[in-house]
Protein backbone atom coordinates (compact mmCIF):
# COMPACT_ATOMS: atom_id res chain seq x y z
CA MET A 1 -45.89 33.27 3.78
CA ASN A 2 -44.35 31.13 1.01
CA ARG A 3 -40.77 30.18 1.76
CA LEU A 4 -38.11 31.17 -0.71
CA TYR A 5 -36.00 28.15 -1.50
CA PRO A 6 -34.29 27.20 -4.77
CA THR A 7 -36.42 24.89 -6.88
CA GLU A 8 -33.45 23.39 -8.70
CA LYS A 9 -29.87 22.51 -7.79
CA ARG A 10 -28.11 23.92 -10.82
CA GLU A 11 -24.81 25.74 -10.23
CA ILE A 12 -25.01 25.22 -6.46
CA ILE A 13 -21.66 26.13 -4.94
CA SER A 14 -20.55 25.33 -1.40
CA LEU A 15 -19.69 28.44 0.59
CA GLY A 16 -16.41 26.84 1.61
CA MET A 17 -15.47 26.37 -2.03
CA ALA A 18 -16.86 29.59 -3.46
CA ASP A 19 -14.38 32.41 -4.01
CA HIS A 20 -15.09 36.08 -4.63
CA GLN A 21 -14.87 35.61 -8.39
CA ASN A 22 -17.50 32.86 -8.42
CA ILE A 23 -19.81 34.94 -6.24
CA SER A 24 -19.27 38.00 -8.44
CA GLU A 25 -20.09 36.02 -11.57
CA LEU A 26 -23.24 34.61 -10.00
CA ALA A 27 -24.33 38.06 -8.80
CA GLU A 28 -23.73 39.59 -12.23
CA LYS A 29 -25.71 36.87 -14.00
CA ALA A 30 -28.48 36.94 -11.41
CA GLY A 31 -28.78 40.70 -11.77
CA ALA A 32 -29.25 40.20 -15.48
CA GLY A 33 -32.12 37.78 -14.85
CA HIS A 34 -30.36 34.40 -14.89
CA ARG A 35 -32.57 32.26 -12.65
CA ALA A 36 -30.09 29.45 -11.96
CA SER A 37 -27.49 31.95 -10.74
CA LEU A 38 -30.06 33.59 -8.49
CA GLU A 39 -31.00 30.23 -7.01
CA SER A 40 -27.32 29.46 -6.45
CA LEU A 41 -26.79 32.70 -4.55
CA ILE A 42 -29.76 31.94 -2.32
CA SER A 43 -28.50 28.41 -1.66
CA LEU A 44 -25.01 29.71 -0.99
CA PHE A 45 -26.00 32.31 1.59
CA HIS A 46 -29.29 31.01 3.00
CA LYS A 47 -27.83 29.20 6.02
CA ASP A 48 -25.59 32.11 6.99
CA ILE A 49 -28.33 34.73 6.67
CA PHE A 50 -30.72 32.58 8.70
CA ARG A 51 -28.10 32.12 11.41
CA MET A 52 -27.45 35.86 11.45
CA ALA A 53 -31.17 36.57 11.87
CA PHE A 54 -31.59 33.89 14.52
CA TYR A 55 -28.71 35.13 16.67
CA ARG A 56 -30.21 38.61 16.59
CA THR A 57 -33.86 37.67 17.18
CA ARG A 58 -33.50 34.45 19.22
CA SER A 59 -36.67 33.23 17.54
CA ARG A 60 -36.77 30.59 14.84
CA MET A 61 -40.05 31.88 13.43
CA ASP A 62 -38.84 35.48 13.26
CA ALA A 63 -35.53 34.37 11.75
CA GLU A 64 -37.32 32.43 9.02
CA ASP A 65 -39.53 35.39 8.17
CA LEU A 66 -36.59 37.80 8.17
CA THR A 67 -34.52 35.48 5.98
CA GLN A 68 -37.38 35.42 3.51
CA GLU A 69 -37.67 39.21 3.54
CA ILE A 70 -33.90 39.69 3.16
CA PHE A 71 -33.73 37.50 0.07
CA MET A 72 -36.83 39.09 -1.42
CA GLN A 73 -35.15 42.48 -1.00
CA MET A 74 -31.99 41.04 -2.53
CA ILE A 75 -33.91 39.85 -5.60
CA LYS A 76 -35.64 43.20 -5.97
CA SER A 77 -32.45 45.27 -5.61
CA LEU A 78 -29.91 43.04 -7.35
CA PRO A 79 -30.37 44.52 -10.84
CA GLY A 80 -29.25 47.87 -9.41
CA LEU A 81 -26.04 46.52 -7.86
CA LYS A 82 -23.30 48.35 -9.76
CA ASP A 83 -20.30 46.35 -8.52
CA ALA A 84 -20.97 42.60 -8.40
CA SER A 85 -17.65 42.04 -6.61
CA ARG A 86 -19.17 43.73 -3.54
CA PHE A 87 -22.18 41.42 -3.42
CA ARG A 88 -21.39 39.85 -0.04
CA PRO A 89 -21.13 43.06 2.07
CA TRP A 90 -24.04 44.47 0.04
CA LEU A 91 -26.22 41.49 1.03
CA TYR A 92 -25.21 41.77 4.68
CA ARG A 93 -26.05 45.48 4.63
CA ILE A 94 -29.58 44.52 3.50
CA ALA A 95 -29.71 41.98 6.33
CA VAL A 96 -28.46 44.45 8.95
CA ASN A 97 -31.04 47.03 7.90
CA ARG A 98 -33.91 44.53 7.81
CA ILE A 99 -33.05 43.17 11.25
CA ARG A 100 -32.73 46.70 12.61
CA ASP A 101 -36.18 47.54 11.22
CA PHE A 102 -37.53 44.38 12.83
CA HIS A 103 -36.25 45.37 16.27
CA ARG A 104 -37.53 48.91 15.86
CA LYS A 105 -41.00 47.64 14.95
CA LYS A 106 -40.97 45.07 17.75
CA SER A 107 -40.03 47.76 20.28
CA ILE A 108 -43.03 49.80 19.19
CA LEU A 109 -45.37 46.79 19.37
CA SER A 110 -43.97 45.84 22.77
CA PHE A 111 -44.66 49.35 24.05
CA PHE A 112 -48.31 48.89 23.17
CA GLY A 113 -48.38 45.35 24.59
CA THR A 114 -48.96 43.52 21.31
CA ALA A 115 -45.59 41.89 20.64
CA ALA A 116 -45.41 38.11 20.74
CA ASP A 117 -43.19 36.42 23.29
CA ILE A 118 -39.76 35.38 22.11
CA GLU A 119 -39.89 31.80 20.91
CA ASP A 120 -37.83 29.30 22.88
CA SER A 121 -36.32 27.43 19.97
CA GLY A 122 -32.94 26.19 18.83
CA CYS A 123 -30.97 27.54 15.91
CA THR A 124 -31.25 24.45 13.72
CA THR A 125 -33.51 21.45 13.40
CA ALA A 126 -30.49 19.28 14.23
CA GLU A 127 -31.12 19.82 17.94
CA HIS A 128 -34.18 17.61 17.74
CA THR A 129 -31.99 14.63 16.90
CA GLU A 130 -29.27 15.36 19.46
CA ASN A 131 -29.20 13.60 22.80
CA PRO A 132 -30.40 15.46 25.93
CA LEU A 133 -26.84 16.21 27.11
CA ASP A 134 -25.99 17.87 23.79
CA ARG A 135 -29.11 20.02 24.05
CA ILE A 136 -28.25 21.07 27.60
CA ILE A 137 -24.68 21.99 26.58
CA GLN A 138 -25.98 23.94 23.59
CA LYS A 139 -28.54 25.78 25.72
CA GLU A 140 -25.94 26.68 28.35
CA PHE A 141 -23.58 27.95 25.68
CA LEU A 142 -26.29 30.07 24.02
CA GLU A 143 -27.24 31.54 27.38
CA GLN A 144 -23.61 32.52 28.01
CA PHE A 145 -23.24 33.81 24.47
CA TYR A 146 -26.36 35.98 24.65
CA ALA A 147 -25.39 37.27 28.08
CA PHE A 148 -22.02 38.32 26.66
CA THR A 149 -23.39 39.98 23.51
CA ASP A 150 -26.01 41.78 25.60
CA SER A 151 -23.17 43.30 27.61
CA LEU A 152 -21.67 44.90 24.50
CA SER A 153 -22.60 48.28 23.11
CA ARG A 154 -24.70 48.32 19.94
CA TRP A 155 -21.78 48.73 17.54
CA GLU A 156 -19.45 46.43 19.47
CA ARG A 157 -22.11 43.72 19.24
CA GLU A 158 -22.77 44.31 15.54
CA VAL A 159 -19.08 44.26 14.62
CA PHE A 160 -18.35 41.23 16.82
CA MET A 161 -21.22 39.24 15.31
CA LEU A 162 -20.35 40.14 11.73
CA ARG A 163 -16.70 39.27 12.30
CA PHE A 164 -17.04 35.97 14.13
CA ALA A 165 -20.59 34.69 13.53
CA GLU A 166 -20.78 35.74 9.86
CA GLN A 167 -16.98 35.82 9.37
CA LEU A 168 -16.85 38.99 7.33
CA GLY A 169 -13.54 40.79 6.89
CA ILE A 170 -12.91 44.26 8.31
CA LYS A 171 -13.46 45.92 4.92
CA GLU A 172 -16.70 43.99 4.36
CA ILE A 173 -17.97 44.92 7.82
CA ALA A 174 -17.16 48.58 7.14
CA GLU A 175 -19.18 48.42 3.91
CA ALA A 176 -22.08 46.54 5.51
CA LEU A 177 -22.34 49.04 8.38
CA LYS A 178 -21.28 52.12 6.38
CA LYS A 179 -18.49 52.81 8.86
CA ASN A 180 -14.81 53.48 8.18
CA GLU A 181 -12.38 50.64 8.82
CA ASN A 182 -10.67 52.32 11.78
CA THR A 183 -14.00 52.70 13.55
CA VAL A 184 -14.78 49.02 12.91
CA LYS A 185 -11.37 48.02 14.31
CA THR A 186 -11.93 50.12 17.42
CA HIS A 187 -15.31 48.50 18.14
CA LEU A 188 -13.86 45.05 17.45
CA TYR A 189 -10.91 45.67 19.78
CA ARG A 190 -13.25 46.71 22.58
CA ALA A 191 -15.51 43.70 22.02
CA LEU A 192 -12.56 41.30 21.99
CA LYS A 193 -11.19 42.80 25.20
CA LYS A 194 -14.54 42.15 26.88
CA PHE A 195 -14.66 38.68 25.33
CA ARG A 196 -11.27 37.74 26.79
CA GLU A 197 -12.49 38.92 30.18
CA ASN A 198 -15.43 36.50 29.89
CA SER A 199 -13.61 33.39 31.11
CA GLY A 200 -16.45 30.96 30.35
CA LEU A 201 -16.92 31.84 26.69
CA HIS A 202 -13.23 32.48 26.13
CA GLU A 203 -12.40 28.96 27.32
CA ILE A 204 -14.98 27.44 24.98
CA LEU A 205 -14.15 29.50 21.90
CA LYS A 206 -10.47 30.36 22.33
CA GLY A 207 -9.62 28.09 19.41
CA GLU A 208 -12.04 29.99 17.16
CA ILE A 209 -11.45 33.60 18.22
CA SER A 210 -8.06 35.13 18.81
């Protein structure tokens, strides 16, 4: 499968610097066929979408394929996006649905004994340059993190991940999951309560999640 990466670096905007207006403008132009804006959107969100897919599949290969599929679906559907200001939750809704389809298909394949084993791979290529102690710490953290998220209900896990891994706001999560905001808040409250009861992860991440 050919990987979808921008071929030029025009109009590339750092996610930390991009505001909703910039994203809206890029989405509007990209929907109208402006290639540079489309490439900028892909560059802007590629790392986050890959991380989202990796955390939910735990396989680098599957995450790469899913990221490709998500952006291909984005390109195909973008001209039909009526409100460019809602691009971010719209993109994450595509990602949520694609990943859900992936798990559904994998469950079926697993039932028939044809699913591949989950790949034992890190989230980024940076791990290959880290020292052994860093890799051990990262592996231990991921094991704790996955054990915790596995303990959550489906919607608690989805809301928790979108809020703290993808850092979407409550309104954006509600749009991405097609849930009302009160329901999202309830699932988030329950997930956070369980998180605070997980002393190991809470100690590590207490500066990031409150």
